[in-house]
Amino acid sequence: MKFEDVSLGTINFSNFGSDLIFDIWSTYDGHSLGKIHCKNVKEFECKNMLDGEELFGSYIALVKIESKTLIMESGEVWIKVISNEITSTL
């Protein structure tokens, strides 16, 4: 599953910190497009090269969900999550 040209809204912790929930926003009008829920996170990596700018609301060129892996990337942001299960309402 792939999505292009979105913004990273918020990241919330759930289930005593073992789950991550990403709110994905529209780049056009800022409304929520849906959520990506990573259940029982095994690995989380984030590279933020925004030079002090806020990560939230930043542009994400590509969101990929493959099996139990979520990857979000743009020129300045790269996020990888490996978890037991990933569900999406996008």
N, C-alpha and C. Protein backbone atom coordinates (compact mmCIF):
# COMPACT_ATOMS: atom_id res chain seq x y z
N MET A 1 0.85 -1.16 0.00
CA MET A 1 0.00 0.00 0.00
C MET A 1 0.90 1.23 0.00
N LYS A 2 0.63 2.19 -0.91
CA LYS A 2 1.44 3.40 -1.00
C LYS A 2 0.54 4.63 -1.05
N PHE A 3 1.02 5.70 -0.43
CA PHE A 3 0.35 6.99 -0.46
C PHE A 3 1.41 8.05 -0.73
N GLU A 4 1.06 9.06 -1.51
CA GLU A 4 2.02 10.11 -1.85
C GLU A 4 1.49 11.48 -1.48
N ASP A 5 2.42 12.40 -1.24
CA ASP A 5 2.12 13.82 -1.01
C ASP A 5 1.16 14.05 0.14
N VAL A 6 1.60 13.70 1.34
CA VAL A 6 0.81 13.91 2.56
C VAL A 6 1.66 14.68 3.57
N SER A 7 1.07 14.99 4.72
CA SER A 7 1.78 15.63 5.82
C SER A 7 1.66 14.76 7.06
N LEU A 8 2.70 14.77 7.88
CA LEU A 8 2.66 14.05 9.15
C LEU A 8 1.95 14.92 10.17
N GLY A 9 0.80 14.45 10.63
CA GLY A 9 0.04 15.21 11.62
C GLY A 9 0.63 15.05 13.00
N THR A 10 0.21 14.02 13.69
CA THR A 10 0.69 13.77 15.05
C THR A 10 1.15 12.32 15.17
N ILE A 11 1.90 12.06 16.22
CA ILE A 11 2.28 10.70 16.60
C ILE A 11 1.82 10.52 18.04
N ASN A 12 0.98 9.51 18.27
CA ASN A 12 0.49 9.24 19.61
C ASN A 12 0.93 7.85 20.05
N PHE A 13 1.15 7.71 21.35
CA PHE A 13 1.48 6.43 21.94
C PHE A 13 0.21 5.84 22.52
N SER A 14 0.07 4.53 22.41
CA SER A 14 -1.10 3.83 22.94
C SER A 14 -0.63 2.51 23.55
N ASN A 15 -1.51 1.87 24.29
CA ASN A 15 -1.22 0.56 24.86
C ASN A 15 0.07 0.59 25.69
N PHE A 16 0.16 1.57 26.59
CA PHE A 16 1.30 1.74 27.50
C PHE A 16 2.62 1.93 26.74
N GLY A 17 2.54 2.59 25.58
CA GLY A 17 3.73 2.92 24.81
C GLY A 17 4.19 1.87 23.83
N SER A 18 3.48 0.75 23.73
CA SER A 18 3.93 -0.29 22.79
C SER A 18 3.35 -0.11 21.39
N ASP A 19 2.37 0.78 21.23
CA ASP A 19 1.77 1.07 19.93
C ASP A 19 2.05 2.52 19.54
N LEU A 20 2.19 2.77 18.24
CA LEU A 20 2.31 4.12 17.70
C LEU A 20 1.16 4.36 16.74
N ILE A 21 0.54 5.53 16.84
CA ILE A 21 -0.55 5.90 15.94
C ILE A 21 -0.17 7.20 15.26
N PHE A 22 -0.06 7.16 13.94
CA PHE A 22 0.31 8.32 13.13
C PHE A 22 -0.95 8.90 12.50
N ASP A 23 -1.19 10.19 12.68
CA ASP A 23 -2.29 10.89 12.02
C ASP A 23 -1.71 11.52 10.76
N ILE A 24 -2.29 11.19 9.61
CA ILE A 24 -1.79 11.66 8.32
C ILE A 24 -2.74 12.74 7.80
N TRP A 25 -2.17 13.88 7.42
CA TRP A 25 -2.96 15.03 6.98
C TRP A 25 -2.81 15.28 5.49
N SER A 26 -3.79 15.96 4.95
CA SER A 26 -3.76 16.41 3.56
C SER A 26 -2.78 17.57 3.43
N THR A 27 -2.01 17.59 2.35
CA THR A 27 -1.12 18.74 2.10
C THR A 27 -1.89 19.92 1.54
N TYR A 28 -3.11 19.68 1.07
CA TYR A 28 -3.90 20.74 0.43
C TYR A 28 -4.66 21.59 1.43
N ASP A 29 -5.37 20.94 2.37
CA ASP A 29 -6.18 21.73 3.29
C ASP A 29 -5.94 21.40 4.77
N GLY A 30 -5.02 20.49 5.05
CA GLY A 30 -4.64 20.21 6.43
C GLY A 30 -5.57 19.31 7.21
N HIS A 31 -6.64 18.80 6.59
CA HIS A 31 -7.54 17.93 7.36
C HIS A 31 -6.97 16.51 7.42
N SER A 32 -7.42 15.76 8.39
CA SER A 32 -6.93 14.40 8.60
C SER A 32 -7.44 13.48 7.49
N LEU A 33 -6.53 12.72 6.89
CA LEU A 33 -6.90 11.73 5.88
C LEU A 33 -7.14 10.37 6.52
N GLY A 34 -6.60 10.17 7.70
CA GLY A 34 -6.75 8.90 8.39
C GLY A 34 -5.57 8.64 9.30
N LYS A 35 -5.58 7.46 9.89
CA LYS A 35 -4.54 7.09 10.85
C LYS A 35 -3.88 5.78 10.43
N ILE A 36 -2.62 5.65 10.84
CA ILE A 36 -1.88 4.40 10.68
C ILE A 36 -1.52 3.94 12.08
N HIS A 37 -1.98 2.74 12.44
CA HIS A 37 -1.79 2.21 13.79
C HIS A 37 -0.78 1.06 13.71
N CYS A 38 0.36 1.24 14.33
CA CYS A 38 1.41 0.21 14.40
C CYS A 38 1.32 -0.44 15.77
N LYS A 39 0.91 -1.71 15.79
CA LYS A 39 0.67 -2.41 17.05
C LYS A 39 1.89 -3.21 17.48
N ASN A 40 2.23 -3.07 18.75
CA ASN A 40 3.36 -3.77 19.37
C ASN A 40 4.65 -3.53 18.59
N VAL A 41 5.11 -2.29 18.62
CA VAL A 41 6.28 -1.85 17.86
C VAL A 41 7.53 -2.59 18.31
N LYS A 42 8.25 -3.13 17.34
CA LYS A 42 9.50 -3.85 17.58
C LYS A 42 10.72 -2.96 17.33
N GLU A 43 10.60 -2.07 16.33
CA GLU A 43 11.72 -1.20 15.96
C GLU A 43 11.18 0.13 15.45
N PHE A 44 11.82 1.22 15.87
CA PHE A 44 11.45 2.56 15.42
C PHE A 44 12.72 3.33 15.09
N GLU A 45 12.81 3.86 13.87
CA GLU A 45 13.94 4.69 13.45
C GLU A 45 13.39 5.97 12.86
N CYS A 46 14.02 7.09 13.18
CA CYS A 46 13.59 8.38 12.64
C CYS A 46 14.82 9.23 12.36
N LYS A 47 14.91 9.72 11.13
CA LYS A 47 15.96 10.65 10.75
C LYS A 47 15.28 11.96 10.39
N ASN A 48 15.58 13.00 11.15
CA ASN A 48 14.96 14.31 10.97
C ASN A 48 16.05 15.30 10.60
N MET A 49 16.02 15.76 9.35
CA MET A 49 17.02 16.72 8.88
C MET A 49 16.35 18.06 8.54
N LEU A 50 15.40 18.46 9.37
CA LEU A 50 14.63 19.68 9.13
C LEU A 50 15.30 20.92 9.70
N ASP A 51 16.51 20.82 10.21
CA ASP A 51 17.25 21.97 10.73
C ASP A 51 16.47 22.77 11.77
N GLY A 52 15.97 22.06 12.78
CA GLY A 52 15.28 22.73 13.88
C GLY A 52 13.80 22.98 13.65
N GLU A 53 13.30 22.72 12.46
CA GLU A 53 11.87 22.90 12.20
C GLU A 53 11.08 21.77 12.85
N GLU A 54 9.82 22.01 13.07
CA GLU A 54 8.93 21.04 13.70
C GLU A 54 8.69 19.85 12.78
N LEU A 55 8.79 18.64 13.32
CA LEU A 55 8.53 17.42 12.56
C LEU A 55 7.06 17.31 12.20
N PHE A 56 6.20 17.71 13.13
CA PHE A 56 4.76 17.57 12.91
C PHE A 56 4.28 18.62 11.92
N GLY A 57 3.51 18.18 10.95
CA GLY A 57 3.05 19.05 9.88
C GLY A 57 4.01 19.05 8.70
N SER A 58 5.10 18.30 8.81
CA SER A 58 6.09 18.29 7.73
C SER A 58 5.61 17.43 6.56
N TYR A 59 6.10 17.78 5.39
CA TYR A 59 5.74 17.10 4.14
C TYR A 59 6.35 15.71 4.10
N ILE A 60 5.54 14.73 3.69
CA ILE A 60 5.99 13.35 3.49
C ILE A 60 5.67 12.98 2.05
N ALA A 61 6.70 12.73 1.25
CA ALA A 61 6.51 12.44 -0.17
C ALA A 61 5.91 11.06 -0.39
N LEU A 62 6.29 10.08 0.44
CA LEU A 62 5.84 8.71 0.21
C LEU A 62 5.63 7.98 1.53
N VAL A 63 4.49 7.31 1.64
CA VAL A 63 4.18 6.44 2.77
C VAL A 63 4.00 5.04 2.20
N LYS A 64 4.78 4.08 2.70
CA LYS A 64 4.68 2.69 2.24
C LYS A 64 4.38 1.78 3.42
N ILE A 65 3.37 0.93 3.24
CA ILE A 65 3.06 -0.09 4.23
C ILE A 65 3.21 -1.43 3.53
N GLU A 66 4.17 -2.22 3.98
CA GLU A 66 4.42 -3.53 3.41
C GLU A 66 4.53 -4.54 4.54
N SER A 67 3.59 -5.46 4.60
CA SER A 67 3.56 -6.48 5.63
C SER A 67 3.56 -5.83 7.01
N LYS A 68 4.62 -5.96 7.77
CA LYS A 68 4.69 -5.42 9.13
C LYS A 68 5.63 -4.23 9.22
N THR A 69 5.88 -3.56 8.08
CA THR A 69 6.81 -2.44 8.04
C THR A 69 6.14 -1.19 7.47
N LEU A 70 6.32 -0.08 8.15
CA LEU A 70 5.86 1.23 7.69
C LEU A 70 7.09 2.08 7.41
N ILE A 71 7.12 2.69 6.23
CA ILE A 71 8.20 3.63 5.89
C ILE A 71 7.57 4.92 5.40
N MET A 72 8.00 6.04 5.98
CA MET A 72 7.58 7.37 5.54
C MET A 72 8.84 8.13 5.18
N GLU A 73 8.86 8.74 3.98
CA GLU A 73 10.08 9.41 3.57
C GLU A 73 9.81 10.65 2.73
N SER A 74 10.71 11.59 2.89
CA SER A 74 10.80 12.78 2.05
C SER A 74 12.28 13.14 2.02
N GLY A 75 12.61 14.27 1.48
CA GLY A 75 14.02 14.66 1.45
C GLY A 75 14.61 14.92 2.82
N GLU A 76 13.79 15.38 3.77
CA GLU A 76 14.27 15.76 5.09
C GLU A 76 13.87 14.80 6.21
N VAL A 77 12.90 13.94 5.96
CA VAL A 77 12.37 13.06 7.01
C VAL A 77 12.37 11.61 6.51
N TRP A 78 12.80 10.70 7.39
CA TRP A 78 12.73 9.27 7.09
C TRP A 78 12.33 8.56 8.37
N ILE A 79 11.21 7.84 8.33
CA ILE A 79 10.71 7.12 9.50
C ILE A 79 10.46 5.67 9.10
N LYS A 80 10.94 4.75 9.94
CA LYS A 80 10.71 3.32 9.70
C LYS A 80 10.20 2.70 10.99
N VAL A 81 9.10 1.95 10.88
CA VAL A 81 8.52 1.26 12.03
C VAL A 81 8.29 -0.20 11.65
N ILE A 82 8.77 -1.11 12.48
CA ILE A 82 8.47 -2.53 12.32
C ILE A 82 7.65 -2.93 13.53
N SER A 83 6.49 -3.55 13.27
CA SER A 83 5.60 -3.92 14.37
C SER A 83 4.91 -5.25 14.05
N ASN A 84 4.17 -5.77 15.01
CA ASN A 84 3.46 -7.03 14.81
C ASN A 84 2.33 -6.91 13.81
N GLU A 85 1.68 -5.74 13.78
CA GLU A 85 0.53 -5.54 12.89
C GLU A 85 0.40 -4.05 12.58
N ILE A 86 0.04 -3.75 11.34
CA ILE A 86 -0.19 -2.36 10.94
C ILE A 86 -1.57 -2.27 10.30
N THR A 87 -2.40 -1.37 10.84
CA THR A 87 -3.71 -1.11 10.25
C THR A 87 -3.77 0.35 9.82
N SER A 88 -4.56 0.61 8.79
CA SER A 88 -4.64 1.96 8.25
C SER A 88 -6.08 2.31 7.91
N THR A 89 -6.46 3.56 8.17
CA THR A 89 -7.77 4.06 7.75
C THR A 89 -7.62 5.04 6.59
N LEU A 90 -6.45 5.08 5.95
CA LEU A 90 -6.24 5.96 4.80
C LEU A 90 -6.97 5.42 3.59
